[in-house]
Amino acid sequence: MTGKLAWITGASTGIGRALALRLVRDGWRVAASARGSDALTGLANESSGAIRAFPLDVTDAGATLRVAAEIERELGAVDLVVVNAGTDARTPATDFDPAVARRVIEVNLIGASNTLAAAMPEMIRRGAGHIAVVASVAGYRGLPRAAAYSASKAGLIALAEGLKFDLDKHGVKIQVICPGFVRTPLTDKNDFAMPFLMDADEAAERIVRGLKSSAFEIAFPRRFAFILKLLGCLPDRVYFPLVAKATGA
């Protein structure tokens, strides 16, 4: 394979897995990372050698640095990093567990920071590269029973925004991806209505189109993202009762 190289974290299931297979169809090589080595091996076996498995827990900063170096040593310079590893758990005030909140934030936000710290130096040195940080429309404002998840995704959006100022100067492109509800093992656990729910393959298709654009934010479905952004602009006295009523919170 002589195509460009992408490194995708959280690649064993859901959006990450679908995106890895979608990029391969466009001629990319993919370094796939996740904690589940068996699932990664299965993914690699589907790709006729275009996908290589690099098991990783992104909350381990040292391991993340080592895997990034291993990928470059074995496959060459990474052209695209998709910072996708994530988790979710409910954190209602009536049963708030700081250990659960910490785990969500460690995987979603600290894990992303570890991945970025491992990937950015080489891209900055080369003056080239592309980074895509997978956040969520849940990061636009706090949502019921999802305090830690919303906080972690809001942090990812702000993290990408803050890094863009410096990365622009060094020729490194950064984008933030804000999906709505996508059918994955995480959303399969939800017991509430999920408007505009889409399959992971459709999400991957929209991400690929967005990666080719000059837009900083890739948000979809557009109608759902627009509604949530509009809600986010409402004054607090309107936002809280409206969202509470809409969600039954």
Foldseek 3Di string as FASTA:
>chain_A
DPAAEEEEEPLLWFLNVLLCVVVVVVVYAYEYEYQDQVSQVVSCVVRVNSYHYDYDQLLPLVSLLVSLVVCCVVPNAHAEYEADFFAFDFAAPVDHDVVRLVVRLSGLAVSSVSNCVNRVPVCLVVLHHEYEYEAALLCLDPAHRGRSNNVNSVNSVVVQVVCCVVSVVSNYHYAYEHEAAEDIPRCVPDPDDGPPYYYSNVVSVQVVVVSPDNDRYRYPPPVVSVVSNVLSPDDPVCNVVVSCVVRVD
